[in-house]
Amino acid sequence: MCVGVPAKVLTKEEYSAIVDVMGSQMTVGIIFVPEVEVGQYVIVHAGQAMSIIDEDSALLSLEEWRKLDDARNAEKTS
């Protein structure tokens, strides 16, 4: 099983894009989704945007990722 993280496309070039993943920016490949536009959300896995997803699904997924991150951080401070 692969795990992908939702990311918002901030800028786009021919074969790459800068995306925001929970407040961190990174460059990802867009060879699998060349039609992606700035402002859309993608699922990122292993440095590649794998698919375009709608904003509602992306925001719901990001909320769950934040819950996991919060739980992990709370565990570290206990």
N, C-alpha and C. Protein backbone atom coordinates (compact mmCIF):
# COMPACT_ATOMS: atom_id res chain seq x y z
N MET A 1 0.83 -1.17 0.00
CA MET A 1 0.00 0.00 0.00
C MET A 1 0.88 1.24 0.00
N CYS A 2 0.49 2.24 -0.75
CA CYS A 2 1.20 3.51 -0.81
C CYS A 2 0.40 4.58 -0.08
N VAL A 3 1.11 5.50 0.52
CA VAL A 3 0.45 6.60 1.21
C VAL A 3 0.78 7.89 0.47
N GLY A 4 -0.25 8.64 0.13
CA GLY A 4 -0.06 9.92 -0.55
C GLY A 4 -0.60 11.04 0.32
N VAL A 5 0.01 12.20 0.20
CA VAL A 5 -0.38 13.37 0.98
C VAL A 5 -0.95 14.42 0.04
N PRO A 6 -2.07 15.05 0.43
CA PRO A 6 -2.60 16.11 -0.41
C PRO A 6 -1.73 17.37 -0.35
N ALA A 7 -1.61 18.04 -1.48
CA ALA A 7 -0.81 19.25 -1.56
C ALA A 7 -1.45 20.22 -2.54
N LYS A 8 -1.35 21.50 -2.22
CA LYS A 8 -1.90 22.53 -3.10
C LYS A 8 -0.81 23.05 -4.02
N VAL A 9 -1.11 23.14 -5.30
CA VAL A 9 -0.14 23.61 -6.29
C VAL A 9 -0.04 25.13 -6.20
N LEU A 10 1.19 25.62 -5.95
CA LEU A 10 1.43 27.05 -5.83
C LEU A 10 1.96 27.66 -7.12
N THR A 11 2.90 26.96 -7.75
CA THR A 11 3.45 27.40 -9.03
C THR A 11 3.67 26.17 -9.89
N LYS A 12 3.72 26.37 -11.19
CA LYS A 12 3.87 25.24 -12.10
C LYS A 12 4.87 25.59 -13.20
N GLU A 13 5.72 24.62 -13.49
CA GLU A 13 6.61 24.71 -14.63
C GLU A 13 6.26 23.55 -15.57
N GLU A 14 7.08 23.29 -16.53
CA GLU A 14 6.75 22.26 -17.52
C GLU A 14 6.64 20.87 -16.90
N TYR A 15 7.62 20.47 -16.10
CA TYR A 15 7.65 19.12 -15.54
C TYR A 15 7.63 19.07 -14.02
N SER A 16 7.52 20.23 -13.39
CA SER A 16 7.51 20.26 -11.93
C SER A 16 6.60 21.36 -11.42
N ALA A 17 6.31 21.30 -10.14
CA ALA A 17 5.49 22.31 -9.49
C ALA A 17 5.97 22.48 -8.07
N ILE A 18 5.75 23.67 -7.52
CA ILE A 18 5.98 23.89 -6.10
C ILE A 18 4.62 23.75 -5.45
N VAL A 19 4.57 22.91 -4.40
CA VAL A 19 3.32 22.64 -3.72
C VAL A 19 3.46 22.95 -2.24
N ASP A 20 2.32 23.17 -1.59
CA ASP A 20 2.27 23.36 -0.15
C ASP A 20 1.70 22.10 0.47
N VAL A 21 2.48 21.50 1.37
CA VAL A 21 2.04 20.31 2.10
C VAL A 21 2.02 20.67 3.58
N MET A 22 0.84 20.96 4.08
CA MET A 22 0.66 21.29 5.50
C MET A 22 1.62 22.38 5.97
N GLY A 23 1.78 23.41 5.16
CA GLY A 23 2.63 24.53 5.53
C GLY A 23 4.06 24.47 5.06
N SER A 24 4.48 23.36 4.52
CA SER A 24 5.83 23.22 3.98
C SER A 24 5.77 23.21 2.46
N GLN A 25 6.69 23.92 1.84
CA GLN A 25 6.73 23.94 0.39
C GLN A 25 7.79 22.99 -0.12
N MET A 26 7.47 22.34 -1.23
CA MET A 26 8.42 21.43 -1.84
C MET A 26 8.18 21.37 -3.34
N THR A 27 9.18 20.96 -4.06
CA THR A 27 9.06 20.78 -5.51
C THR A 27 8.74 19.32 -5.78
N VAL A 28 7.74 19.10 -6.64
CA VAL A 28 7.36 17.74 -7.02
C VAL A 28 7.29 17.63 -8.53
N GLY A 29 7.43 16.43 -9.02
CA GLY A 29 7.27 16.18 -10.44
C GLY A 29 5.78 16.15 -10.79
N ILE A 30 5.45 16.59 -12.00
CA ILE A 30 4.05 16.57 -12.43
C ILE A 30 3.88 15.80 -13.75
N ILE A 31 4.79 14.90 -14.02
CA ILE A 31 4.73 14.15 -15.27
C ILE A 31 3.45 13.31 -15.39
N PHE A 32 2.89 12.88 -14.25
CA PHE A 32 1.67 12.07 -14.28
C PHE A 32 0.41 12.92 -14.37
N VAL A 33 0.53 14.23 -14.07
CA VAL A 33 -0.63 15.14 -14.12
C VAL A 33 -0.24 16.45 -14.81
N PRO A 34 0.17 16.38 -16.07
CA PRO A 34 0.63 17.60 -16.75
C PRO A 34 -0.45 18.67 -16.89
N GLU A 35 -1.70 18.28 -16.77
CA GLU A 35 -2.81 19.22 -16.92
C GLU A 35 -3.13 19.99 -15.65
N VAL A 36 -2.46 19.70 -14.54
CA VAL A 36 -2.75 20.36 -13.27
C VAL A 36 -2.55 21.87 -13.40
N GLU A 37 -3.38 22.62 -12.67
CA GLU A 37 -3.32 24.08 -12.69
C GLU A 37 -2.98 24.60 -11.30
N VAL A 38 -2.40 25.79 -11.25
CA VAL A 38 -2.13 26.45 -9.98
C VAL A 38 -3.44 26.59 -9.21
N GLY A 39 -3.39 26.27 -7.92
CA GLY A 39 -4.57 26.35 -7.07
C GLY A 39 -5.28 25.02 -6.87
N GLN A 40 -4.99 24.03 -7.74
CA GLN A 40 -5.59 22.71 -7.58
C GLN A 40 -4.80 21.91 -6.55
N TYR A 41 -5.43 20.84 -6.09
CA TYR A 41 -4.79 19.92 -5.14
C TYR A 41 -4.40 18.63 -5.84
N VAL A 42 -3.27 18.09 -5.41
CA VAL A 42 -2.79 16.82 -5.94
C VAL A 42 -2.44 15.90 -4.79
N ILE A 43 -2.38 14.62 -5.07
CA ILE A 43 -1.86 13.64 -4.11
C ILE A 43 -0.39 13.43 -4.46
N VAL A 44 0.48 13.61 -3.46
CA VAL A 44 1.92 13.49 -3.67
C VAL A 44 2.42 12.22 -3.00
N HIS A 45 3.19 11.45 -3.74
CA HIS A 45 3.84 10.25 -3.22
C HIS A 45 5.23 10.17 -3.84
N ALA A 46 6.23 10.01 -3.00
CA ALA A 46 7.61 9.83 -3.45
C ALA A 46 8.07 10.96 -4.39
N GLY A 47 7.66 12.19 -4.05
CA GLY A 47 8.11 13.33 -4.82
C GLY A 47 7.40 13.56 -6.15
N GLN A 48 6.33 12.82 -6.38
CA GLN A 48 5.58 12.96 -7.63
C GLN A 48 4.11 13.24 -7.33
N ALA A 49 3.53 14.15 -8.07
CA ALA A 49 2.08 14.36 -8.01
C ALA A 49 1.46 13.21 -8.79
N MET A 50 0.65 12.41 -8.13
CA MET A 50 0.11 11.20 -8.75
C MET A 50 -1.27 11.41 -9.36
N SER A 51 -2.09 12.28 -8.75
CA SER A 51 -3.43 12.53 -9.27
C SER A 51 -3.93 13.87 -8.75
N ILE A 52 -4.89 14.43 -9.46
CA ILE A 52 -5.54 15.66 -9.05
C ILE A 52 -6.77 15.27 -8.24
N ILE A 53 -6.99 15.97 -7.12
CA ILE A 53 -8.18 15.70 -6.31
C ILE A 53 -8.93 17.00 -6.07
N ASP A 54 -10.21 16.87 -5.73
CA ASP A 54 -11.00 18.07 -5.49
C ASP A 54 -10.64 18.67 -4.12
N GLU A 55 -10.92 19.95 -3.97
CA GLU A 55 -10.53 20.67 -2.77
C GLU A 55 -11.17 20.11 -1.50
N ASP A 56 -12.45 19.74 -1.57
CA ASP A 56 -13.13 19.20 -0.38
C ASP A 56 -12.44 17.94 0.13
N SER A 57 -12.11 17.04 -0.79
CA SER A 57 -11.43 15.80 -0.40
C SER A 57 -10.05 16.09 0.16
N ALA A 58 -9.35 17.04 -0.45
CA ALA A 58 -8.01 17.40 0.02
C ALA A 58 -8.07 17.96 1.43
N LEU A 59 -9.01 18.87 1.68
CA LEU A 59 -9.10 19.49 3.00
C LEU A 59 -9.50 18.48 4.07
N LEU A 60 -10.39 17.56 3.73
CA LEU A 60 -10.77 16.51 4.68
C LEU A 60 -9.58 15.63 5.01
N SER A 61 -8.83 15.25 3.99
CA SER A 61 -7.64 14.42 4.20
C SER A 61 -6.60 15.16 5.03
N LEU A 62 -6.39 16.44 4.74
CA LEU A 62 -5.41 17.22 5.51
C LEU A 62 -5.81 17.31 6.97
N GLU A 63 -7.10 17.41 7.24
CA GLU A 63 -7.57 17.44 8.62
C GLU A 63 -7.19 16.15 9.35
N GLU A 64 -7.33 15.02 8.68
CA GLU A 64 -6.96 13.73 9.28
C GLU A 64 -5.45 13.62 9.48
N TRP A 65 -4.67 14.10 8.51
CA TRP A 65 -3.21 14.10 8.66
C TRP A 65 -2.80 14.95 9.85
N ARG A 66 -3.46 16.10 10.05
CA ARG A 66 -3.14 16.97 11.19
C ARG A 66 -3.46 16.27 12.51
N LYS A 67 -4.56 15.54 12.56
CA LYS A 67 -4.91 14.79 13.76
C LYS A 67 -3.82 13.77 14.09
N LEU A 68 -3.34 13.07 13.08
CA LEU A 68 -2.27 12.10 13.30
C LEU A 68 -1.00 12.78 13.80
N ASP A 69 -0.67 13.91 13.19
CA ASP A 69 0.52 14.64 13.59
C ASP A 69 0.38 15.16 15.02
N ASP A 70 -0.78 15.69 15.36
CA ASP A 70 -1.03 16.17 16.72
C ASP A 70 -0.90 15.04 17.74
N ALA A 71 -1.47 13.88 17.42
CA ALA A 71 -1.39 12.73 18.32
C ALA A 71 0.05 12.28 18.51
N ARG A 72 0.81 12.27 17.43
CA ARG A 72 2.22 11.88 17.51
C ARG A 72 3.01 12.87 18.37
N ASN A 73 2.75 14.16 18.19
CA ASN A 73 3.43 15.19 18.97
C ASN A 73 3.05 15.11 20.44
N ALA A 74 1.79 14.83 20.73
CA ALA A 74 1.34 14.70 22.12
C ALA A 74 2.00 13.51 22.80
N GLU A 75 2.20 12.45 22.04
CA GLU A 75 2.85 11.25 22.57
C GLU A 75 4.31 11.55 22.94
N LYS A 76 4.98 12.38 22.14
CA LYS A 76 6.38 12.72 22.41
C LYS A 76 6.54 13.53 23.68
N THR A 77 5.54 14.36 24.00
CA THR A 77 5.65 15.23 25.17
C THR A 77 5.13 14.56 26.45
N SER A 78 4.58 13.38 26.33
CA SER A 78 4.05 12.68 27.51
C SER A 78 5.13 11.95 28.27
